[in-house]
Amino acid sequence: MSKTFSFNSVKGDFFGGLTAGIVALPLALAFGVASGAGAAAGLYGAIALGFFAALFGGTPTQISGPTGPMTVIFAATVVAFPGNYNAMFAVVFLAGALQILFGWLKLGNFVRYIPYPVISGFMSGIGVIIILLQFHPLLGASSVSSPLEALLKLPGAMAQVNWYSLGLGVLTMAIVFLTPAKVTRTIPSPLLALIAGSLVAIFFDMPVAKIGEIPAGLPKIVLPLFSPDLLAKIIPMALALAVLGTIDSLLTSVVADSMTKTRHNSNKELFGQGLGNMAASLIGGLPGAGATMRTVVNIKAGGTTCISGMIHAMLLLAILLGLGVYAALIPLPVLAGILIKVGIDILDYRLLKIIKKIPRQDLIVMLAVFLITVFVDLIIAVGVGVTLASLLLTYRLTRMSRIDVQEVSQQEWQADLERSIEDETQYGIRVITVSGPFFFGTTSQMQEHISTLIGTKVVVINCLPVPFIDLSGYFALGEMINTLGGENIKSIVVFKNGAGMRKQMLALGLGEMLGMDGIQTDYNDAMQLAWEYLGDDK
């Protein structure tokens, strides 16, 4: 549905883009330094990707730019092609072209089928990588290129710590972690930390490493030409960037959808992201993706259309042209402190809080992806995670497969009863029956039913035919219950007695959303309760 432009929407887009640009500035500089390509590369990437992804993408409120996961992979590219900038940015150019191909092939819809434990382990691994790589600049030591190297060289860095550097880093982290929310809404804490830390370093003339000179003026357009001999090395890295950028962007699109009550176009979004990354490569900019924190800031500040993302990019361009000489004075430990906060925010606390309660198979997948991400390779981690999750799922499905004639006839009778109840109550009571395993591959079907339930009074979610539910299924069920609750719709879930699903629901905290009587093990009791709720509502 097209959005009608008005003064309020333009005003909201202006302030949304302005606020997102202010938040993006310190992060773009920090990611540029962390990648090894320089602070200017971070700004160039934020400008090019931010503008073109907003203009051509499929998520109107999304703000795009360098992100932690994309920076980590690009840093590996910098290490793989030392001093060969053409090869580095050829990787980015090809990654963008692959994203456009993904969109053309309509592969955007397949991202939803990646199991949640894989995403969780991957994102937490990225967070740990960012934190580990920032310990050395925080201590005043030379930067390192891998998490393992960071751990091995950490004792040496601690033995020769630069106390001025450490002090600035601690001050920065104190600001980004402790700044009250009221202040952050006016001045984003990363920007506040950037300004305060830089002023302290300049005023006291602290002997700490700084960003260094940032080229003034517009960046030059350079074609990323490279030797054909490097193609075999470039393609895997480009594929890794493209896949990660796709996942990162579309997950952020889902967050934007939940906040704006809209629905993004995933394949169009991939086209915009791909075009933006190709543009970034032509001016020596970092690759990136949809940035969750900047997108949320944009929406909360009033951004509603793609204009906000374009304004965010233009603000960064104005800063580059006018204030680049001052950005050269920013201390590296200040950027390290900001990035450590970014790394901590990326960790998946949603799963970490319940890690002792999740199914063992999901825990194995999550830990495997986490460890491989941190100590081996990011794209291998995703491949291993998806493969391992599929193998475990196949094993569980094989063990639970059986033919039960009695179960079939009962389901047919039950379906007729449910239809008659819905007709009799004029759809005041709706019944959803989930048949078969409820796992990461079927959660999208549950989400698609939510919009059809708006306007009813009571929803009975019949999970009696379900042999098992994995973590993705429980989370999808929880999101559906929460959404229905927001529409004043009562949810009742029916589980098979003795299957352990009711206990797992309570362990994951989903029972609190349903209430004491919201989880039933007898279908007739659940339907009677639904009638009672319908009567009370009348």
Protein backbone atom coordinates (compact mmCIF):
# COMPACT_ATOMS: atom_id res chain seq x y z
CA MET A 1 0.00 0.00 0.00
CA SER A 2 1.47 3.36 -0.97
CA LYS A 3 2.01 5.93 1.72
CA THR A 4 0.49 9.39 1.31
CA PHE A 5 3.04 12.15 1.79
CA SER A 6 2.16 14.93 4.21
CA PHE A 7 3.92 17.60 6.21
CA ASN A 8 3.99 15.30 9.26
CA SER A 9 5.56 12.43 7.30
CA VAL A 10 8.21 14.72 5.77
CA LYS A 11 8.91 16.20 9.20
CA GLY A 12 9.17 12.71 10.71
CA ASP A 13 11.47 11.54 7.92
CA PHE A 14 13.72 14.57 8.42
CA PHE A 15 14.12 14.05 12.16
CA GLY A 16 14.34 10.27 11.77
CA GLY A 17 17.12 10.56 9.18
CA LEU A 18 18.91 13.25 11.17
CA THR A 19 18.87 11.17 14.37
CA ALA A 20 19.91 7.97 12.56
CA GLY A 21 22.78 9.84 10.91
CA ILE A 22 24.04 11.11 14.26
CA VAL A 23 23.94 7.56 15.66
CA ALA A 24 25.62 6.19 12.52
CA LEU A 25 28.59 8.59 12.56
CA PRO A 26 30.63 7.08 15.42
CA LEU A 27 29.72 3.54 14.38
CA ALA A 28 30.79 4.12 10.76
CA LEU A 29 34.13 5.52 11.91
CA ALA A 30 34.61 2.68 14.40
CA PHE A 31 33.73 -0.07 11.91
CA GLY A 32 36.07 1.49 9.34
CA VAL A 33 38.99 1.41 11.76
CA ALA A 34 38.12 -2.09 12.98
CA SER A 35 38.04 -3.45 9.42
CA GLY A 36 41.60 -2.31 8.70
CA ALA A 37 40.47 -0.21 5.70
CA GLY A 38 40.40 3.06 7.63
CA ALA A 39 37.77 5.35 9.13
CA ALA A 40 37.03 7.00 5.76
CA ALA A 41 36.00 3.61 4.32
CA GLY A 42 33.39 3.32 7.07
CA LEU A 43 31.94 6.72 6.20
CA TYR A 44 32.00 6.03 2.44
CA GLY A 45 30.17 2.74 2.97
CA ALA A 46 27.53 4.31 5.22
CA ILE A 47 26.89 7.08 2.67
CA ALA A 48 26.67 4.94 -0.48
CA LEU A 49 24.84 1.96 1.00
CA GLY A 50 22.60 4.14 3.18
CA PHE A 51 21.44 6.19 0.20
CA PHE A 52 20.96 3.50 -2.47
CA ALA A 53 19.50 0.83 -0.15
CA ALA A 54 16.93 3.38 1.06
CA LEU A 55 16.07 4.55 -2.47
CA PHE A 56 15.75 1.12 -4.09
CA GLY A 57 15.09 -1.21 -1.13
CA GLY A 58 11.86 -2.85 0.03
CA THR A 59 11.78 -1.70 3.68
CA PRO A 60 10.89 2.02 3.77
CA THR A 61 12.07 2.70 7.33
CA GLN A 62 15.28 0.66 7.22
CA ILE A 63 18.62 2.41 7.73
CA SER A 64 21.56 0.61 6.14
CA GLY A 65 25.29 0.92 6.66
CA PRO A 66 28.33 -0.95 7.98
CA THR A 67 27.40 -3.49 10.67
CA GLY A 68 29.39 -5.61 13.08
CA PRO A 69 28.95 -8.95 11.27
CA MET A 70 29.74 -7.49 7.84
CA THR A 71 32.78 -5.65 9.21
CA VAL A 72 34.15 -8.86 10.71
CA ILE A 73 33.99 -10.66 7.34
CA PHE A 74 35.44 -7.69 5.46
CA ALA A 75 38.28 -7.53 7.98
CA ALA A 76 39.11 -11.12 6.99
CA THR A 77 39.11 -9.95 3.36
CA VAL A 78 41.58 -7.18 4.21
CA VAL A 79 43.87 -9.79 5.79
CA ALA A 80 43.48 -12.13 2.80
CA PHE A 81 44.47 -9.42 0.28
CA PRO A 82 47.03 -7.26 2.13
CA GLY A 83 47.51 -3.95 0.31
CA ASN A 84 45.45 -5.08 -2.71
CA TYR A 85 42.52 -2.68 -2.48
CA ASN A 86 41.20 -3.64 -5.92
CA ALA A 87 40.78 -7.25 -4.81
CA MET A 88 39.21 -6.23 -1.46
CA PHE A 89 36.54 -4.10 -3.07
CA ALA A 90 36.04 -6.57 -5.89
CA VAL A 91 34.79 -8.89 -3.13
CA VAL A 92 32.30 -6.20 -2.04
CA PHE A 93 31.21 -5.49 -5.63
CA LEU A 94 30.63 -9.18 -6.36
CA ALA A 95 28.78 -9.59 -3.03
CA GLY A 96 26.41 -6.81 -4.04
CA ALA A 97 25.88 -8.41 -7.45
CA LEU A 98 25.08 -11.72 -5.74
CA GLN A 99 22.51 -10.00 -3.50
CA ILE A 100 20.80 -8.60 -6.59
CA LEU A 101 20.83 -12.13 -8.05
CA PHE A 102 19.30 -13.48 -4.80
CA GLY A 103 16.51 -10.92 -5.11
CA TRP A 104 15.91 -11.75 -8.78
CA LEU A 105 15.71 -15.46 -7.91
CA LYS A 106 13.29 -14.53 -5.08
CA LEU A 107 15.47 -16.19 -2.45
CA GLY A 108 14.62 -13.59 0.18
CA ASN A 109 11.70 -15.67 1.45
CA PHE A 110 14.01 -18.59 2.28
CA VAL A 111 15.86 -16.72 5.04
CA ARG A 112 12.96 -17.43 7.40
CA TYR A 113 13.82 -21.14 7.20
CA ILE A 114 17.20 -20.73 8.92
CA PRO A 115 16.79 -22.29 12.39
CA TYR A 116 16.81 -19.89 15.32
CA PRO A 117 19.69 -21.66 17.16
CA VAL A 118 21.88 -21.12 14.07
CA ILE A 119 21.09 -17.39 14.01
CA SER A 120 21.57 -17.15 17.78
CA GLY A 121 24.96 -18.90 17.81
CA PHE A 122 26.13 -16.87 14.83
CA MET A 123 25.12 -13.47 16.22
CA SER A 124 26.55 -14.21 19.68
CA GLY A 125 29.77 -15.38 18.00
CA ILE A 126 29.97 -12.12 16.04
CA GLY A 127 29.49 -10.19 19.27
CA VAL A 128 32.34 -12.05 20.96
CA ILE A 129 34.63 -11.51 17.95
CA ILE A 130 34.02 -7.75 18.04
CA ILE A 131 34.72 -7.62 21.79
CA LEU A 132 37.92 -9.68 21.56
CA LEU A 133 39.31 -7.63 18.67
CA GLN A 134 38.82 -4.37 20.58
CA PHE A 135 40.76 -5.39 23.71
CA HIS A 136 44.11 -4.49 22.09
CA PRO A 137 43.26 -0.93 20.93
CA LEU A 138 41.58 -0.43 24.31
CA LEU A 139 44.87 -1.29 26.04
CA GLY A 140 46.91 0.85 23.64
CA ALA A 141 48.41 -2.10 21.76
CA SER A 142 48.47 -2.73 18.01
CA SER A 143 45.32 -4.19 16.48
CA VAL A 144 45.09 -7.90 15.75
CA SER A 145 43.29 -9.67 12.92
CA SER A 146 41.65 -12.71 14.55
CA PRO A 147 39.96 -13.64 17.85
CA LEU A 148 42.45 -16.44 18.49
CA GLU A 149 45.37 -14.06 17.96
CA ALA A 150 43.67 -11.57 20.27
CA LEU A 151 43.50 -14.17 23.05
CA LEU A 152 47.08 -15.39 22.54
CA LYS A 153 48.57 -11.87 22.54
CA LEU A 154 46.36 -10.49 25.32
CA PRO A 155 48.86 -11.23 28.17
CA GLY A 156 51.58 -9.27 26.32
CA ALA A 157 49.24 -6.34 25.73
CA MET A 158 48.24 -6.30 29.39
CA ALA A 159 51.89 -6.28 30.45
CA GLN A 160 52.54 -3.10 28.42
CA VAL A 161 49.22 -1.34 28.90
CA ASN A 162 48.89 2.34 27.97
CA TRP A 163 47.00 3.69 30.97
CA TYR A 164 45.86 6.81 29.10
CA SER A 165 44.34 4.58 26.43
CA LEU A 166 42.67 2.32 28.97
CA GLY A 167 41.32 5.30 30.88
CA LEU A 168 39.76 6.79 27.74
CA GLY A 169 38.23 3.42 26.86
CA VAL A 170 36.76 3.02 30.35
CA LEU A 171 35.36 6.57 30.20
CA THR A 172 33.79 5.80 26.81
CA MET A 173 32.19 2.57 28.03
CA ALA A 174 30.89 4.32 31.15
CA ILE A 175 29.15 6.87 28.94
CA VAL A 176 27.62 4.40 26.46
CA PHE A 177 26.48 2.02 29.19
CA LEU A 178 25.35 4.44 31.90
CA THR A 179 23.88 7.42 30.02
CA PRO A 180 20.20 7.68 31.07
CA ALA A 181 17.60 6.87 28.42
CA LYS A 182 16.19 10.43 28.61
CA VAL A 183 19.57 11.84 27.61
CA THR A 184 20.16 9.22 24.91
CA ARG A 185 16.89 10.16 23.21
CA THR A 186 18.28 13.69 22.79
CA ILE A 187 21.97 12.93 22.23
CA PRO A 188 22.78 9.30 21.31
CA SER A 189 25.22 7.85 23.83
CA PRO A 190 27.79 6.73 21.16
CA LEU A 191 27.99 10.32 19.85
CA LEU A 192 28.20 11.70 23.39
CA ALA A 193 31.04 9.27 24.17
CA LEU A 194 32.82 10.16 20.91
CA ILE A 195 32.75 13.88 21.66
CA ALA A 196 33.59 13.59 25.36
CA GLY A 197 36.43 11.10 24.87
CA SER A 198 37.97 13.14 22.04
CA LEU A 199 37.79 16.41 24.00
CA VAL A 200 39.40 14.82 27.07
CA ALA A 201 42.25 13.39 24.95
CA ILE A 202 42.85 16.75 23.23
CA PHE A 203 42.59 18.87 26.40
CA PHE A 204 45.06 16.74 28.37
CA ASP A 205 47.22 16.02 25.30
CA MET A 206 47.08 12.28 25.94
CA PRO A 207 49.63 10.08 24.11
CA VAL A 208 47.10 7.72 22.51
CA ALA A 209 46.63 6.41 18.96
CA LYS A 210 44.21 8.43 16.80
CA ILE A 211 42.25 7.79 13.60
CA GLY A 212 44.59 9.90 11.49
CA GLU A 213 43.95 11.90 8.36
CA ILE A 214 40.64 11.43 6.56
CA PRO A 215 40.65 12.48 2.87
CA ALA A 216 38.76 15.71 2.30
CA GLY A 217 36.22 16.10 -0.48
CA LEU A 218 34.23 13.56 -2.44
CA PRO A 219 35.68 10.06 -2.78
CA LYS A 220 37.01 9.03 -6.17
CA ILE A 221 35.26 6.36 -8.19
CA VAL A 222 37.58 3.42 -8.86
CA LEU A 223 36.65 0.28 -10.78
CA PRO A 224 37.49 -2.82 -8.67
CA LEU A 225 39.64 -4.53 -11.29
CA PHE A 226 41.65 -7.58 -10.25
CA SER A 227 43.72 -10.41 -11.63
CA PRO A 228 41.66 -13.42 -12.80
CA ASP A 229 44.04 -15.61 -10.77
CA LEU A 230 42.39 -14.27 -7.59
CA LEU A 231 38.85 -15.20 -8.64
CA ALA A 232 38.88 -18.54 -6.81
CA LYS A 233 39.75 -16.68 -3.60
CA ILE A 234 37.36 -13.78 -4.18
CA ILE A 235 34.18 -15.77 -4.90
CA PRO A 236 33.90 -17.59 -1.50
CA MET A 237 34.43 -14.33 0.40
CA ALA A 238 31.90 -12.51 -1.78
CA LEU A 239 29.39 -15.30 -1.20
CA ALA A 240 29.97 -15.09 2.55
CA LEU A 241 29.36 -11.32 2.51
CA ALA A 242 26.27 -11.70 0.31
CA VAL A 243 24.68 -14.41 2.45
CA LEU A 244 25.44 -12.63 5.71
CA GLY A 245 24.26 -9.28 4.35
CA THR A 246 21.04 -10.94 3.21
CA ILE A 247 20.38 -12.49 6.61
CA ASP A 248 21.38 -9.34 8.51
CA SER A 249 19.21 -7.05 6.37
CA LEU A 250 16.09 -9.20 6.29
CA LEU A 251 16.19 -9.81 10.04
CA THR A 252 16.28 -6.04 10.50
CA SER A 253 13.37 -5.74 8.04
CA VAL A 254 11.35 -8.08 10.26
CA VAL A 255 12.11 -5.84 13.26
CA ALA A 256 10.97 -2.80 11.26
CA ASP A 257 7.77 -4.62 10.27
CA SER A 258 6.94 -5.40 13.90
CA MET A 259 7.39 -1.75 14.91
CA THR A 260 5.52 -0.15 11.98
CA LYS A 261 2.84 -2.84 11.50
CA THR A 262 3.81 -3.08 7.82
CA ARG A 263 5.24 -5.80 5.61
CA HIS A 264 8.51 -5.43 3.74
CA ASN A 265 9.33 -6.71 0.25
CA SER A 266 12.27 -9.02 0.91
CA ASN A 267 13.36 -9.51 -2.71
CA LYS A 268 13.20 -5.78 -3.46
CA GLU A 269 15.19 -5.17 -0.28
CA LEU A 270 17.91 -7.51 -1.56
CA PHE A 271 18.04 -5.53 -4.80
CA GLY A 272 18.54 -2.28 -2.87
CA GLN A 273 21.14 -3.79 -0.56
CA GLY A 274 23.05 -5.28 -3.49
CA LEU A 275 23.01 -2.02 -5.43
CA GLY A 276 24.15 -0.14 -2.31
CA ASN A 277 27.06 -2.49 -1.69
CA MET A 278 28.14 -2.27 -5.33
CA ALA A 279 28.07 1.53 -5.08
CA ALA A 280 30.09 1.39 -1.84
CA SER A 281 32.75 -0.75 -3.50
CA LEU A 282 33.22 1.80 -6.29
CA ILE A 283 34.22 4.53 -3.81
CA GLY A 284 36.23 2.33 -1.43
CA GLY A 285 33.46 1.97 1.15
CA LEU A 286 32.79 -0.79 3.65
CA PRO A 287 30.06 -3.32 2.85
CA GLY A 288 27.04 -3.31 5.10
CA ALA A 289 23.45 -4.29 5.65
CA GLY A 290 20.28 -3.17 7.35
CA ALA A 291 21.32 -1.88 10.80
CA THR A 292 18.86 -2.77 13.55
CA MET A 293 19.77 -0.08 16.08
CA ARG A 294 19.81 2.73 13.50
CA THR A 295 16.51 1.49 12.02
CA VAL A 296 14.84 1.46 15.43
CA VAL A 297 16.15 4.98 16.15
CA ASN A 298 14.80 6.18 12.80
CA ILE A 299 11.32 4.74 13.44
CA LYS A 300 11.13 6.11 16.98
CA ALA A 301 12.17 9.56 15.75
CA GLY A 302 9.33 9.58 13.21
CA GLY A 303 10.80 8.10 10.02
CA THR A 304 8.14 6.48 7.84
CA THR A 305 9.48 6.45 4.26
CA CYS A 306 12.71 5.89 2.35
CA ILE A 307 13.41 9.63 2.52
CA SER A 308 14.65 9.21 6.10
CA GLY A 309 17.37 6.77 4.99
CA MET A 310 18.46 9.11 2.22
CA ILE A 311 18.62 12.07 4.65
CA HIS A 312 20.76 9.94 7.00
CA ALA A 313 23.23 9.35 4.15
CA MET A 314 23.29 13.01 3.08
CA LEU A 315 24.01 14.10 6.66
CA LEU A 316 27.03 11.79 6.77
CA LEU A 317 28.20 13.21 3.43
CA ALA A 318 27.94 16.75 4.81
CA ILE A 319 29.94 15.72 7.89
CA LEU A 320 32.58 14.11 5.67
CA LEU A 321 32.96 17.25 3.56
CA GLY A 322 32.94 19.71 6.44
CA LEU A 323 34.29 18.01 9.55
CA GLY A 324 36.70 15.37 8.23
CA VAL A 325 39.72 17.29 9.56
CA TYR A 326 38.33 17.09 13.10
CA ALA A 327 37.44 13.39 12.84
CA ALA A 328 41.16 12.67 12.38
CA LEU A 329 41.69 13.62 16.05
CA ILE A 330 39.35 10.93 17.44
CA PRO A 331 41.28 8.46 19.68
CA LEU A 332 41.20 4.76 18.78
CA PRO A 333 40.45 3.64 22.37
CA VAL A 334 37.27 5.74 22.25
CA LEU A 335 36.14 3.84 19.13
CA ALA A 336 37.14 0.58 20.83
CA GLY A 337 34.90 1.39 23.79
CA ILE A 338 31.97 2.13 21.47
CA LEU A 339 32.51 -1.13 19.57
CA ILE A 340 32.68 -3.19 22.76
CA LYS A 341 29.19 -1.88 23.55
CA VAL A 342 28.10 -2.85 20.03
CA GLY A 343 29.51 -6.37 20.53
CA ILE A 344 27.73 -6.77 23.86
CA ASP A 345 24.45 -5.61 22.32
CA ILE A 346 24.74 -8.19 19.51
CA LEU A 347 24.83 -11.10 22.00
CA ASP A 348 21.53 -13.02 21.97
CA TYR A 349 20.34 -12.46 25.52
CA ARG A 350 16.91 -13.80 24.64
CA LEU A 351 18.36 -17.28 24.34
CA LEU A 352 21.19 -16.91 26.87
CA LYS A 353 18.65 -16.22 29.64
CA ILE A 354 16.98 -19.59 29.06
CA ILE A 355 19.99 -21.58 27.85
CA LYS A 356 19.58 -24.22 30.58
CA LYS A 357 15.97 -24.82 29.62
CA ILE A 358 16.10 -25.12 25.83
CA PRO A 359 16.00 -28.56 24.14
CA ARG A 360 19.38 -30.32 24.09
CA GLN A 361 19.47 -30.65 20.29
CA ASP A 362 18.98 -26.89 19.86
CA LEU A 363 21.68 -26.20 22.44
CA ILE A 364 24.15 -28.43 20.54
CA VAL A 365 23.46 -26.53 17.29
CA MET A 366 23.78 -23.13 18.95
CA LEU A 367 27.08 -23.96 20.69
CA ALA A 368 28.57 -25.53 17.56
CA VAL A 369 27.75 -22.46 15.46
CA PHE A 370 29.04 -20.14 18.19
CA LEU A 371 32.42 -21.88 18.54
CA ILE A 372 32.98 -22.25 14.79
CA THR A 373 32.04 -18.60 14.26
CA VAL A 374 34.55 -17.36 16.83
CA PHE A 375 37.48 -19.69 16.19
CA VAL A 376 37.14 -21.02 12.61
CA ASP A 377 35.10 -19.23 9.96
CA LEU A 378 31.76 -17.41 9.82
CA ILE A 379 30.30 -18.85 6.63
CA ILE A 380 31.41 -22.38 7.60
CA ALA A 381 29.61 -21.85 10.92
CA VAL A 382 26.28 -21.13 9.21
CA GLY A 383 26.71 -24.10 6.86
CA VAL A 384 27.57 -26.47 9.70
CA GLY A 385 24.71 -25.12 11.81
CA VAL A 386 22.04 -25.57 9.15
CA THR A 387 23.37 -29.04 8.27
CA LEU A 388 23.53 -30.13 11.91
CA ALA A 389 20.03 -28.79 12.61
CA SER A 390 18.70 -30.64 9.56
CA LEU A 391 20.36 -33.91 10.60
CA LEU A 392 19.00 -33.68 14.14
CA LEU A 393 15.55 -32.84 12.78
CA THR A 394 15.65 -35.81 10.41
CA TYR A 395 16.67 -38.06 13.30
CA ARG A 396 13.78 -36.84 15.45
CA LEU A 397 11.26 -37.11 12.62
CA THR A 398 12.39 -40.66 11.84
CA ARG A 399 11.97 -41.78 15.43
CA MET A 400 8.50 -40.26 15.69
CA SER A 401 7.09 -41.35 12.32
CA ARG A 402 4.22 -43.81 12.61
CA ILE A 403 0.88 -44.74 10.99
CA ASP A 404 -2.14 -44.51 13.30
CA VAL A 405 -5.55 -45.11 11.68
CA GLN A 406 -7.41 -44.11 14.86
CA GLU A 407 -5.61 -40.76 14.89
CA VAL A 408 -6.66 -40.05 11.28
CA SER A 409 -10.38 -40.68 11.82
CA GLN A 410 -10.30 -38.64 15.03
CA GLN A 411 -8.72 -35.68 13.20
CA GLU A 412 -11.42 -35.78 10.48
CA TRP A 413 -14.24 -35.76 13.07
CA GLN A 414 -12.47 -33.01 14.98
CA ALA A 415 -12.11 -30.81 11.89
CA ASP A 416 -15.90 -31.00 11.29
CA LEU A 417 -16.57 -30.08 14.92
CA GLU A 418 -14.21 -27.09 14.74
CA ARG A 419 -15.89 -25.76 11.61
CA SER A 420 -19.34 -26.05 13.19
CA ILE A 421 -18.17 -24.22 16.33
CA GLU A 422 -16.71 -21.37 14.27
CA ASP A 423 -19.99 -21.05 12.30
CA GLU A 424 -22.15 -21.20 15.44
CA THR A 425 -20.21 -18.48 17.24
CA GLN A 426 -19.89 -16.34 14.10
CA TYR A 427 -16.13 -16.85 14.40
CA GLY A 428 -16.06 -15.54 17.96
CA ILE A 429 -14.15 -18.76 18.65
CA ARG A 430 -11.52 -19.81 16.11
CA VAL A 431 -9.55 -23.06 16.18
CA ILE A 432 -6.09 -23.60 14.70
CA THR A 433 -4.97 -27.23 14.51
CA VAL A 434 -1.23 -27.81 14.12
CA SER A 435 -0.56 -31.22 12.56
CA GLY A 436 2.88 -32.81 12.49
CA PRO A 437 6.18 -31.50 13.88
CA PHE A 438 6.20 -27.78 14.75
CA PHE A 439 9.76 -26.71 13.96
CA PHE A 440 11.75 -23.95 12.23
CA GLY A 441 10.48 -24.98 8.81
CA THR A 442 6.80 -24.59 9.73
CA THR A 443 6.84 -21.47 11.93
CA SER A 444 6.17 -19.19 8.94
CA GLN A 445 2.81 -20.96 8.40
CA MET A 446 1.81 -20.05 11.96
CA GLN A 447 2.76 -16.40 11.41
CA GLU A 448 0.70 -16.25 8.20
CA HIS A 449 -2.48 -17.15 10.15
CA ILE A 450 -2.25 -14.22 12.58
CA SER A 451 -3.85 -11.63 10.29
CA THR A 452 -6.88 -13.91 9.65
CA LEU A 453 -7.63 -14.10 13.37
CA ILE A 454 -8.00 -10.37 14.03
CA GLY A 455 -11.58 -9.62 15.12
CA THR A 456 -12.26 -12.91 16.88
CA LYS A 457 -12.58 -13.26 20.67
CA VAL A 458 -10.96 -16.59 21.58
CA VAL A 459 -8.40 -18.65 19.66
CA VAL A 460 -7.82 -22.31 20.54
CA ILE A 461 -4.46 -23.54 19.25
CA ASN A 462 -4.81 -27.31 19.04
CA CYS A 463 -1.36 -28.95 19.24
CA LEU A 464 -2.61 -32.46 20.09
CA PRO A 465 -1.37 -33.92 16.75
CA VAL A 466 2.09 -32.35 17.23
CA PRO A 467 4.81 -34.92 18.08
CA PHE A 468 7.40 -32.29 19.07
CA ILE A 469 8.16 -28.56 19.00
CA ASP A 470 11.65 -27.10 18.64
CA LEU A 471 12.84 -23.72 19.98
CA SER A 472 11.84 -21.84 16.81
CA GLY A 473 8.34 -23.29 17.17
CA TYR A 474 8.03 -22.22 20.81
CA PHE A 475 9.18 -18.69 19.95
CA ALA A 476 6.77 -18.48 16.98
CA LEU A 477 3.95 -19.68 19.23
CA GLY A 478 4.91 -17.09 21.83
CA GLU A 479 4.99 -14.28 19.25
CA MET A 480 1.55 -15.29 17.99
CA ILE A 481 0.09 -15.36 21.51
CA ASN A 482 1.65 -11.97 22.27
CA THR A 483 0.28 -10.44 19.05
CA LEU A 484 -3.20 -11.81 19.70
CA GLY A 485 -3.06 -10.54 23.29
CA GLY A 486 -2.31 -7.07 21.94
CA GLU A 487 -5.62 -7.32 20.04
CA ASN A 488 -7.48 -8.42 23.22
CA ILE A 489 -7.85 -11.96 21.89
CA LYS A 490 -7.62 -14.79 24.44
CA SER A 491 -5.39 -17.72 23.45
CA ILE A 492 -5.74 -21.28 24.74
CA VAL A 493 -3.15 -23.90 23.77
CA VAL A 494 -3.90 -27.63 23.93
CA PHE A 495 -0.99 -30.05 24.26
CA LYS A 496 -0.86 -33.84 24.43
CA ASN A 497 -0.66 -34.93 28.08
CA GLY A 498 2.71 -36.39 29.05
CA ALA A 499 4.58 -35.16 25.95
CA GLY A 500 6.56 -32.61 27.98
CA MET A 501 5.48 -29.67 25.82
CA ARG A 502 3.43 -28.01 28.57
CA LYS A 503 6.43 -28.21 30.91
CA GLN A 504 8.70 -26.75 28.23
CA MET A 505 6.25 -23.89 27.58
CA LEU A 506 6.26 -22.99 31.27
CA ALA A 507 10.07 -23.28 31.48
CA LEU A 508 10.46 -20.82 28.60
CA GLY A 509 8.16 -18.32 30.32
CA LEU A 510 5.34 -18.52 27.77
CA GLY A 511 2.86 -19.58 30.44
CA GLU A 512 2.88 -16.04 31.82
CA MET A 513 1.30 -14.73 28.60
CA LEU A 514 -1.43 -17.40 28.64
CA GLY A 515 -2.38 -17.35 32.31
CA MET A 516 -3.02 -20.31 34.61
CA ASP A 517 -5.78 -21.81 32.42
CA GLY A 518 -4.23 -20.94 29.06
CA ILE A 519 -2.46 -24.32 28.66
CA GLN A 520 -4.77 -27.35 28.53
CA THR A 521 -4.22 -31.05 27.92
CA ASP A 522 -7.87 -31.96 27.22
CA TYR A 523 -9.51 -30.73 24.03
CA ASN A 524 -13.06 -30.72 25.44
CA ASP A 525 -11.96 -28.74 28.49
CA ALA A 526 -10.28 -26.20 26.22
CA MET A 527 -13.44 -25.76 24.12
CA GLN A 528 -15.60 -25.41 27.24
CA LEU A 529 -13.22 -22.75 28.55
CA ALA A 530 -13.41 -20.94 25.21
CA TRP A 531 -17.23 -20.86 25.44
CA GLU A 532 -16.98 -19.44 28.96
CA TYR A 533 -14.62 -16.67 27.83
CA LEU A 534 -16.94 -15.88 24.91
CA GLY A 535 -19.90 -15.65 27.30
CA ASP A 536 -17.97 -13.38 29.69
CA ASP A 537 -17.03 -11.12 26.79
CA LYS A 538 -20.67 -10.69 25.82
